[in-house]
Amino acid sequence: MSSFSEKDLVLLSYRNQRIKTSKHFILAIVFSTLLFLGGCGMLNMFTESYEDIRNEMLQHLYEKYGIEFTGDSLERGHQDYLIAFPTGGNMHEDFVRMQRYGSGDNVRYVDTFFGVIIRDDLEARVTAALADIGLPVKVFFPSNNTFFNNIFDGTKTFDDFNQWIAEGNSFHLRVTTFFEVDSVECFDTYANHAIEKIQETGYLLNVIFHFTPTEIFNQVTRNNRTDIIARYRNEITSITNIGR
């Protein structure tokens, strides 16, 4: 038989009820705090499914650029963060970063894919500007690092971007260059000349100049440039110029 009296059972029941109430109160505080700190983005994590958000973002890319994209990864949070690439395309060179803010009628998107559209033209423009340096050069624009104004969609071209710049809009672009040199002893002279030519392009370019020996220069490609810099850092002289 139980050793508890009826009074003890009532008190025990009351105590358990208080514990449950306290737990619910604490959970309510935690949930409210998360909503306060995370805003609509945190609420979205509870109300919108992973698949729905991914498909919504891919659909937006399709409508904006007129081509289908394949999702590679999606991170949920205060803002949803998608990495995708053109379906059937090069997922390593042509991938796009996309961010999604808000929910419902207040959803906003930004992405980097216009950088892929103008990449070849921009690299050619910078290469031409550096032709007078007198050194072989390779130019790479890391297109997936720059979020563009949403006016630049699939109907816009590099000429449209140049016109936008000519109208007085300022926009920083980051470019990486590799110069082939026999010796790094005179790299300051080359760098100063290169900076002058970069400024003549009219773009606000954040440029990294890498002066590399021939055997290293010949190895550099778009895909391996980061690995090359890390592997031969003691043999490469680098200078950074920040566009003003």
C-alpha atoms as a PDB file:
ATOM      1  CA  MET A   1       0.000   0.000   0.000  1.00  0.00           C
ATOM      2  CA  SER A   2       1.082   3.588  -0.576  1.00  0.00           C
ATOM      3  CA  SER A   3       2.547   5.408   2.415  1.00  0.00           C
ATOM      4  CA  PHE A   4       1.255   8.760   1.151  1.00  0.00           C
ATOM      5  CA  SER A   5      -1.801  10.317   2.745  1.00  0.00           C
ATOM      6  CA  GLU A   6      -4.483  12.003   0.720  1.00  0.00           C
ATOM      7  CA  LYS A   7      -3.031  15.359   1.735  1.00  0.00           C
ATOM      8  CA  ASP A   8       0.423  14.292   0.574  1.00  0.00           C
ATOM      9  CA  LEU A   9      -0.971  13.220  -2.783  1.00  0.00           C
ATOM     10  CA  VAL A  10      -2.713  16.551  -3.239  1.00  0.00           C
ATOM     11  CA  LEU A  11       0.501  18.425  -2.392  1.00  0.00           C
ATOM     12  CA  LEU A  12       2.515  16.199  -4.724  1.00  0.00           C
ATOM     13  CA  SER A  13       0.042  16.746  -7.560  1.00  0.00           C
ATOM     14  CA  TYR A  14       0.156  20.489  -6.960  1.00  0.00           C
ATOM     15  CA  ARG A  15       3.961  20.434  -7.009  1.00  0.00           C
ATOM     16  CA  ASN A  16       4.048  18.495 -10.279  1.00  0.00           C
ATOM     17  CA  GLN A  17       1.626  20.939 -11.828  1.00  0.00           C
ATOM     18  CA  ARG A  18       3.859  23.847 -10.808  1.00  0.00           C
ATOM     19  CA  ILE A  19       6.877  22.115 -12.337  1.00  0.00           C
ATOM     20  CA  LYS A  20       5.021  21.603 -15.637  1.00  0.00           C
ATOM     21  CA  THR A  21       3.842  25.206 -15.595  1.00  0.00           C
ATOM     22  CA  SER A  22       7.397  26.418 -14.947  1.00  0.00           C
ATOM     23  CA  LYS A  23       8.736  24.303 -17.829  1.00  0.00           C
ATOM     24  CA  HIS A  24       6.110  25.714 -20.185  1.00  0.00           C
ATOM     25  CA  PHE A  25       6.905  29.231 -19.009  1.00  0.00           C
ATOM     26  CA  ILE A  26      10.640  28.716 -19.579  1.00  0.00           C
ATOM     27  CA  LEU A  27      10.029  27.267 -23.037  1.00  0.00           C
ATOM     28  CA  ALA A  28       7.800  30.232 -23.865  1.00  0.00           C
ATOM     29  CA  ILE A  29      10.552  32.644 -22.781  1.00  0.00           C
ATOM     30  CA  VAL A  30      13.171  30.792 -24.832  1.00  0.00           C
ATOM     31  CA  PHE A  31      10.939  30.732 -27.909  1.00  0.00           C
ATOM     32  CA  SER A  32      10.083  34.430 -27.526  1.00  0.00           C
ATOM     33  CA  THR A  33      13.765  35.276 -27.129  1.00  0.00           C
ATOM     34  CA  LEU A  34      14.655  33.362 -30.291  1.00  0.00           C
ATOM     35  CA  LEU A  35      11.966  35.210 -32.202  1.00  0.00           C
ATOM     36  CA  PHE A  36      13.156  38.540 -30.798  1.00  0.00           C
ATOM     37  CA  LEU A  37      16.776  37.850 -31.732  1.00  0.00           C
ATOM     38  CA  GLY A  38      16.123  36.116 -35.022  1.00  0.00           C
ATOM     39  CA  GLY A  39      13.039  37.977 -36.191  1.00  0.00           C
ATOM     40  CA  CYS A  40      11.110  36.643 -39.145  1.00  0.00           C
ATOM     41  CA  GLY A  41      14.048  34.515 -40.229  1.00  0.00           C
ATOM     42  CA  MET A  42      13.864  32.461 -37.052  1.00  0.00           C
ATOM     43  CA  LEU A  43      10.091  32.125 -37.389  1.00  0.00           C
ATOM     44  CA  ASN A  44      10.519  30.916 -40.955  1.00  0.00           C
ATOM     45  CA  MET A  45      12.587  27.979 -39.710  1.00  0.00           C
ATOM     46  CA  PHE A  46       9.524  26.709 -37.841  1.00  0.00           C
ATOM     47  CA  THR A  47       6.877  27.449 -40.466  1.00  0.00           C
ATOM     48  CA  GLU A  48       8.514  26.827 -43.853  1.00  0.00           C
ATOM     49  CA  SER A  49       9.958  23.542 -45.080  1.00  0.00           C
ATOM     50  CA  TYR A  50      13.464  23.081 -46.449  1.00  0.00           C
ATOM     51  CA  GLU A  51      12.182  21.831 -49.808  1.00  0.00           C
ATOM     52  CA  ASP A  52       9.690  24.681 -50.188  1.00  0.00           C
ATOM     53  CA  ILE A  53      12.331  27.327 -49.570  1.00  0.00           C
ATOM     54  CA  ARG A  54      14.882  25.698 -51.852  1.00  0.00           C
ATOM     55  CA  ASN A  55      12.347  25.379 -54.677  1.00  0.00           C
ATOM     56  CA  GLU A  56      11.178  28.954 -54.172  1.00  0.00           C
ATOM     57  CA  MET A  57      14.739  30.263 -54.431  1.00  0.00           C
ATOM     58  CA  LEU A  58      15.514  28.139 -57.497  1.00  0.00           C
ATOM     59  CA  GLN A  59      12.307  29.350 -59.126  1.00  0.00           C
ATOM     60  CA  HIS A  60      13.313  32.944 -58.478  1.00  0.00           C
ATOM     61  CA  LEU A  61      16.677  32.336 -60.183  1.00  0.00           C
ATOM     62  CA  TYR A  62      14.907  30.752 -63.151  1.00  0.00           C
ATOM     63  CA  GLU A  63      12.549  33.708 -63.523  1.00  0.00           C
ATOM     64  CA  LYS A  64      15.380  36.205 -63.154  1.00  0.00           C
ATOM     65  CA  TYR A  65      17.883  34.651 -65.571  1.00  0.00           C
ATOM     66  CA  GLY A  66      15.760  32.432 -67.825  1.00  0.00           C
ATOM     67  CA  ILE A  67      17.731  29.237 -67.151  1.00  0.00           C
ATOM     68  CA  GLU A  68      17.244  26.367 -64.732  1.00  0.00           C
ATOM     69  CA  PHE A  69      19.451  25.976 -61.670  1.00  0.00           C
ATOM     70  CA  THR A  70      20.268  22.975 -59.509  1.00  0.00           C
ATOM     71  CA  GLY A  71      20.531  23.486 -55.748  1.00  0.00           C
ATOM     72  CA  ASP A  72      23.763  22.313 -54.145  1.00  0.00           C
ATOM     73  CA  SER A  73      23.169  23.323 -50.519  1.00  0.00           C
ATOM     74  CA  LEU A  74      20.793  25.407 -48.420  1.00  0.00           C
ATOM     75  CA  GLU A  75      21.394  26.842 -44.950  1.00  0.00           C
ATOM     76  CA  ARG A  76      18.434  28.093 -42.940  1.00  0.00           C
ATOM     77  CA  GLY A  77      18.612  30.878 -40.386  1.00  0.00           C
ATOM     78  CA  HIS A  78      17.966  34.602 -39.995  1.00  0.00           C
ATOM     79  CA  GLN A  79      18.513  34.608 -43.752  1.00  0.00           C
ATOM     80  CA  ASP A  80      18.323  31.600 -46.054  1.00  0.00           C
ATOM     81  CA  TYR A  81      21.544  30.942 -47.953  1.00  0.00           C
ATOM     82  CA  LEU A  82      21.536  28.877 -51.155  1.00  0.00           C
ATOM     83  CA  ILE A  83      24.390  27.676 -53.350  1.00  0.00           C
ATOM     84  CA  ALA A  84      23.288  26.562 -56.817  1.00  0.00           C
ATOM     85  CA  PHE A  85      24.634  26.210 -60.358  1.00  0.00           C
ATOM     86  CA  PRO A  86      23.129  26.191 -63.854  1.00  0.00           C
ATOM     87  CA  THR A  87      21.625  22.782 -64.534  1.00  0.00           C
ATOM     88  CA  GLY A  88      24.045  20.838 -66.711  1.00  0.00           C
ATOM     89  CA  GLY A  89      26.693  23.530 -66.239  1.00  0.00           C
ATOM     90  CA  ASN A  90      29.983  23.745 -64.366  1.00  0.00           C
ATOM     91  CA  MET A  91      29.194  23.597 -60.658  1.00  0.00           C
ATOM     92  CA  HIS A  92      32.759  24.590 -59.725  1.00  0.00           C
ATOM     93  CA  GLU A  93      33.198  27.656 -61.933  1.00  0.00           C
ATOM     94  CA  ASP A  94      29.650  28.932 -62.432  1.00  0.00           C
ATOM     95  CA  PHE A  95      27.981  28.451 -59.075  1.00  0.00           C
ATOM     96  CA  VAL A  96      25.864  31.190 -57.574  1.00  0.00           C
ATOM     97  CA  ARG A  97      25.403  32.323 -53.993  1.00  0.00           C
ATOM     98  CA  MET A  98      21.915  33.504 -53.127  1.00  0.00           C
ATOM     99  CA  GLN A  99      20.429  35.021 -49.970  1.00  0.00           C
ATOM    100  CA  ARG A 100      16.759  35.231 -49.024  1.00  0.00           C
ATOM    101  CA  TYR A 101      15.428  37.651 -46.402  1.00  0.00           C
ATOM    102  CA  GLY A 102      12.004  37.948 -44.801  1.00  0.00           C
ATOM    103  CA  SER A 103       8.847  35.993 -45.567  1.00  0.00           C
ATOM    104  CA  GLY A 104       5.500  36.306 -47.325  1.00  0.00           C
ATOM    105  CA  ASP A 105       5.094  39.611 -49.142  1.00  0.00           C
ATOM    106  CA  ASN A 106       8.320  40.921 -47.599  1.00  0.00           C
ATOM    107  CA  VAL A 107      10.709  38.376 -49.129  1.00  0.00           C
ATOM    108  CA  ARG A 108      13.838  39.864 -50.718  1.00  0.00           C
ATOM    109  CA  TYR A 109      16.564  38.118 -52.712  1.00  0.00           C
ATOM    110  CA  VAL A 110      20.131  38.949 -53.711  1.00  0.00           C
ATOM    111  CA  ASP A 111      22.503  36.775 -55.713  1.00  0.00           C
ATOM    112  CA  THR A 112      25.871  36.694 -57.453  1.00  0.00           C
ATOM    113  CA  PHE A 113      25.044  35.133 -60.830  1.00  0.00           C
ATOM    114  CA  PHE A 114      25.355  38.326 -62.878  1.00  0.00           C
ATOM    115  CA  GLY A 115      29.055  38.031 -62.114  1.00  0.00           C
ATOM    116  CA  VAL A 116      29.151  34.833 -64.161  1.00  0.00           C
ATOM    117  CA  ILE A 117      27.416  36.637 -67.043  1.00  0.00           C
ATOM    118  CA  ILE A 118      29.990  39.458 -67.191  1.00  0.00           C
ATOM    119  CA  ARG A 119      33.050  37.496 -66.022  1.00  0.00           C
ATOM    120  CA  ASP A 120      34.683  36.852 -69.405  1.00  0.00           C
ATOM    121  CA  ASP A 121      34.129  40.415 -70.616  1.00  0.00           C
ATOM    122  CA  LEU A 122      35.409  41.943 -67.388  1.00  0.00           C
ATOM    123  CA  GLU A 123      38.514  39.760 -67.389  1.00  0.00           C
ATOM    124  CA  ALA A 124      39.170  40.666 -71.036  1.00  0.00           C
ATOM    125  CA  ARG A 125      38.796  44.376 -70.243  1.00  0.00           C
ATOM    126  CA  VAL A 126      41.286  44.197 -67.370  1.00  0.00           C
ATOM    127  CA  THR A 127      43.684  42.043 -69.402  1.00  0.00           C
ATOM    128  CA  ALA A 128      43.635  44.617 -72.202  1.00  0.00           C
ATOM    129  CA  ALA A 129      44.274  47.426 -69.727  1.00  0.00           C
ATOM    130  CA  LEU A 130      47.340  45.600 -68.398  1.00  0.00           C
ATOM    131  CA  ALA A 131      48.760  44.758 -71.831  1.00  0.00           C
ATOM    132  CA  ASP A 132      51.181  47.703 -71.751  1.00  0.00           C
ATOM    133  CA  ILE A 133      52.861  46.388 -68.613  1.00  0.00           C
ATOM    134  CA  GLY A 134      55.001  44.172 -70.811  1.00  0.00           C
ATOM    135  CA  LEU A 135      54.445  41.000 -68.789  1.00  0.00           C
ATOM    136  CA  PRO A 136      52.302  37.949 -69.532  1.00  0.00           C
ATOM    137  CA  VAL A 137      49.226  38.185 -67.291  1.00  0.00           C
ATOM    138  CA  LYS A 138      46.272  36.042 -66.261  1.00  0.00           C
ATOM    139  CA  VAL A 139      43.177  37.773 -64.859  1.00  0.00           C
ATOM    140  CA  PHE A 140      40.478  36.094 -62.781  1.00  0.00           C
ATOM    141  CA  PHE A 141      37.251  37.583 -61.528  1.00  0.00           C
ATOM    142  CA  PRO A 142      35.818  35.487 -58.622  1.00  0.00           C
ATOM    143  CA  SER A 143      32.229  35.945 -59.757  1.00  0.00           C
ATOM    144  CA  ASN A 144      30.629  34.125 -56.817  1.00  0.00           C
ATOM    145  CA  ASN A 145      31.894  36.656 -54.253  1.00  0.00           C
ATOM    146  CA  THR A 146      29.933  39.703 -55.410  1.00  0.00           C
ATOM    147  CA  PHE A 147      26.216  40.355 -54.866  1.00  0.00           C
ATOM    148  CA  PHE A 148      24.912  42.609 -57.636  1.00  0.00           C
ATOM    149  CA  ASN A 149      22.097  45.113 -57.731  1.00  0.00           C
ATOM    150  CA  ASN A 150      18.879  43.295 -58.665  1.00  0.00           C
ATOM    151  CA  ILE A 151      18.439  45.439 -61.774  1.00  0.00           C
ATOM    152  CA  PHE A 152      21.023  43.150 -63.384  1.00  0.00           C
ATOM    153  CA  ASP A 153      19.085  40.105 -64.525  1.00  0.00           C
ATOM    154  CA  GLY A 154      19.268  37.754 -67.504  1.00  0.00           C
ATOM    155  CA  THR A 155      18.397  40.530 -69.947  1.00  0.00           C
ATOM    156  CA  LYS A 156      21.412  42.659 -68.983  1.00  0.00           C
ATOM    157  CA  THR A 157      24.963  42.493 -70.357  1.00  0.00           C
ATOM    158  CA  PHE A 158      28.415  43.847 -69.614  1.00  0.00           C
ATOM    159  CA  ASP A 159      27.559  46.893 -71.723  1.00  0.00           C
ATOM    160  CA  ASP A 160      24.575  47.577 -69.469  1.00  0.00           C
ATOM    161  CA  PHE A 161      26.814  47.333 -66.437  1.00  0.00           C
ATOM    162  CA  ASN A 162      29.300  49.767 -68.015  1.00  0.00           C
ATOM    163  CA  GLN A 163      26.486  52.197 -68.788  1.00  0.00           C
ATOM    164  CA  TRP A 164      25.322  51.981 -65.177  1.00  0.00           C
ATOM    165  CA  ILE A 165      28.861  52.813 -64.028  1.00  0.00           C
ATOM    166  CA  ALA A 166      29.076  55.696 -66.525  1.00  0.00           C
ATOM    167  CA  GLU A 167      25.889  57.133 -65.036  1.00  0.00           C
ATOM    168  CA  GLY A 168      27.741  57.730 -61.788  1.00  0.00           C
ATOM    169  CA  ASN A 169      27.071  54.535 -59.873  1.00  0.00           C
ATOM    170  CA  SER A 170      30.011  53.165 -57.903  1.00  0.00           C
ATOM    171  CA  PHE A 171      30.564  49.496 -57.332  1.00  0.00           C
ATOM    172  CA  HIS A 172      33.594  47.567 -56.092  1.00  0.00           C
ATOM    173  CA  LEU A 173      34.717  44.452 -57.940  1.00  0.00           C
ATOM    174  CA  ARG A 174      37.485  42.151 -56.791  1.00  0.00           C
ATOM    175  CA  VAL A 175      39.974  40.866 -59.363  1.00  0.00           C
ATOM    176  CA  THR A 176      43.000  38.607 -59.028  1.00  0.00           C
ATOM    177  CA  THR A 177      45.932  38.899 -61.443  1.00  0.00           C
ATOM    178  CA  PHE A 178      49.022  36.774 -61.999  1.00  0.00           C
ATOM    179  CA  PHE A 179      52.070  38.221 -63.761  1.00  0.00           C
ATOM    180  CA  GLU A 180      54.903  36.100 -65.136  1.00  0.00           C
ATOM    181  CA  VAL A 181      58.288  37.512 -64.098  1.00  0.00           C
ATOM    182  CA  ASP A 182      61.880  36.309 -64.336  1.00  0.00           C
ATOM    183  CA  SER A 183      62.715  38.110 -61.118  1.00  0.00           C
ATOM    184  CA  VAL A 184      60.667  39.800 -58.398  1.00  0.00           C
ATOM    185  CA  GLU A 185      63.325  42.432 -57.797  1.00  0.00           C
ATOM    186  CA  CYS A 186      61.525  45.052 -59.888  1.00  0.00           C
ATOM    187  CA  PHE A 187      57.973  44.193 -58.910  1.00  0.00           C
ATOM    188  CA  ASP A 188      57.348  47.635 -57.356  1.00  0.00           C
ATOM    189  CA  THR A 189      57.790  49.321 -60.735  1.00  0.00           C
ATOM    190  CA  TYR A 190      55.507  46.805 -62.410  1.00  0.00           C
ATOM    191  CA  ALA A 191      52.922  47.128 -59.653  1.00  0.00           C
ATOM    192  CA  ASN A 192      52.788  50.927 -59.829  1.00  0.00           C
ATOM    193  CA  HIS A 193      52.374  50.780 -63.602  1.00  0.00           C
ATOM    194  CA  ALA A 194      49.640  48.155 -63.240  1.00  0.00           C
ATOM    195  CA  ILE A 195      47.761  50.275 -60.698  1.00  0.00           C
ATOM    196  CA  GLU A 196      47.759  53.227 -63.099  1.00  0.00           C
ATOM    197  CA  LYS A 197      46.318  51.057 -65.866  1.00  0.00           C
ATOM    198  CA  ILE A 198      43.682  49.618 -63.529  1.00  0.00           C
ATOM    199  CA  GLN A 199      42.548  53.101 -62.541  1.00  0.00           C
ATOM    200  CA  GLU A 200      42.090  54.002 -66.210  1.00  0.00           C
ATOM    201  CA  THR A 201      39.395  51.317 -66.575  1.00  0.00           C
ATOM    202  CA  GLY A 202      36.957  53.482 -64.584  1.00  0.00           C
ATOM    203  CA  TYR A 203      35.974  50.621 -62.283  1.00  0.00           C
ATOM    204  CA  LEU A 204      36.480  50.492 -58.543  1.00  0.00           C
ATOM    205  CA  LEU A 205      38.621  47.380 -58.599  1.00  0.00           C
ATOM    206  CA  ASN A 206      40.077  45.697 -55.560  1.00  0.00           C
ATOM    207  CA  VAL A 207      42.994  44.001 -57.275  1.00  0.00           C
ATOM    208  CA  ILE A 208      45.561  41.541 -55.998  1.00  0.00           C
ATOM    209  CA  PHE A 209      48.736  41.431 -58.104  1.00  0.00           C
ATOM    210  CA  HIS A 210      50.674  38.161 -57.866  1.00  0.00           C
ATOM    211  CA  PHE A 211      54.165  38.197 -59.411  1.00  0.00           C
ATOM    212  CA  THR A 212      55.122  34.600 -60.120  1.00  0.00           C
ATOM    213  CA  PRO A 213      58.065  32.741 -61.706  1.00  0.00           C
ATOM    214  CA  THR A 214      57.400  31.151 -65.083  1.00  0.00           C
ATOM    215  CA  GLU A 215      57.043  27.580 -63.816  1.00  0.00           C
ATOM    216  CA  ILE A 216      54.362  28.687 -61.348  1.00  0.00           C
ATOM    217  CA  PHE A 217      52.632  31.064 -63.771  1.00  0.00           C
ATOM    218  CA  ASN A 218      52.152  28.263 -66.300  1.00  0.00           C
ATOM    219  CA  GLN A 219      50.290  26.163 -63.704  1.00  0.00           C
ATOM    220  CA  VAL A 220      47.715  28.767 -62.697  1.00  0.00           C
ATOM    221  CA  THR A 221      44.095  28.194 -63.721  1.00  0.00           C
ATOM    222  CA  ARG A 222      40.760  29.518 -62.508  1.00  0.00           C
ATOM    223  CA  ASN A 223      40.136  26.400 -60.456  1.00  0.00           C
ATOM    224  CA  ASN A 224      43.534  25.998 -58.796  1.00  0.00           C
ATOM    225  CA  ARG A 225      44.620  29.606 -58.239  1.00  0.00           C
ATOM    226  CA  THR A 226      43.921  29.517 -54.491  1.00  0.00           C
ATOM    227  CA  ASP A 227      45.861  26.279 -54.067  1.00  0.00           C
ATOM    228  CA  ILE A 228      48.763  27.663 -56.121  1.00  0.00           C
ATOM    229  CA  ILE A 229      49.006  30.745 -53.909  1.00  0.00           C
ATOM    230  CA  ALA A 230      49.000  28.619 -50.758  1.00  0.00           C
ATOM    231  CA  ARG A 231      51.502  26.103 -52.109  1.00  0.00           C
ATOM    232  CA  TYR A 232      54.016  28.626 -53.476  1.00  0.00           C
ATOM    233  CA  ARG A 233      53.452  31.533 -51.100  1.00  0.00           C
ATOM    234  CA  ASN A 234      57.184  31.875 -50.440  1.00  0.00           C
ATOM    235  CA  GLU A 235      57.905  32.162 -54.164  1.00  0.00           C
ATOM    236  CA  ILE A 236      55.118  34.600 -55.053  1.00  0.00           C
ATOM    237  CA  THR A 237      55.197  38.337 -54.350  1.00  0.00           C
ATOM    238  CA  SER A 238      51.722  39.775 -53.831  1.00  0.00           C
ATOM    239  CA  ILE A 239      50.481  43.358 -53.678  1.00  0.00           C
ATOM    240  CA  THR A 240      46.909  44.466 -52.995  1.00  0.00           C
ATOM    241  CA  ASN A 241      45.435  47.600 -54.533  1.00  0.00           C
ATOM    242  CA  ILE A 242      42.072  48.798 -53.195  1.00  0.00           C
ATOM    243  CA  GLY A 243      40.076  50.852 -55.674  1.00  0.00           C
ATOM    244  CA  ARG A 244      38.989  54.307 -54.532  1.00  0.00           C
END
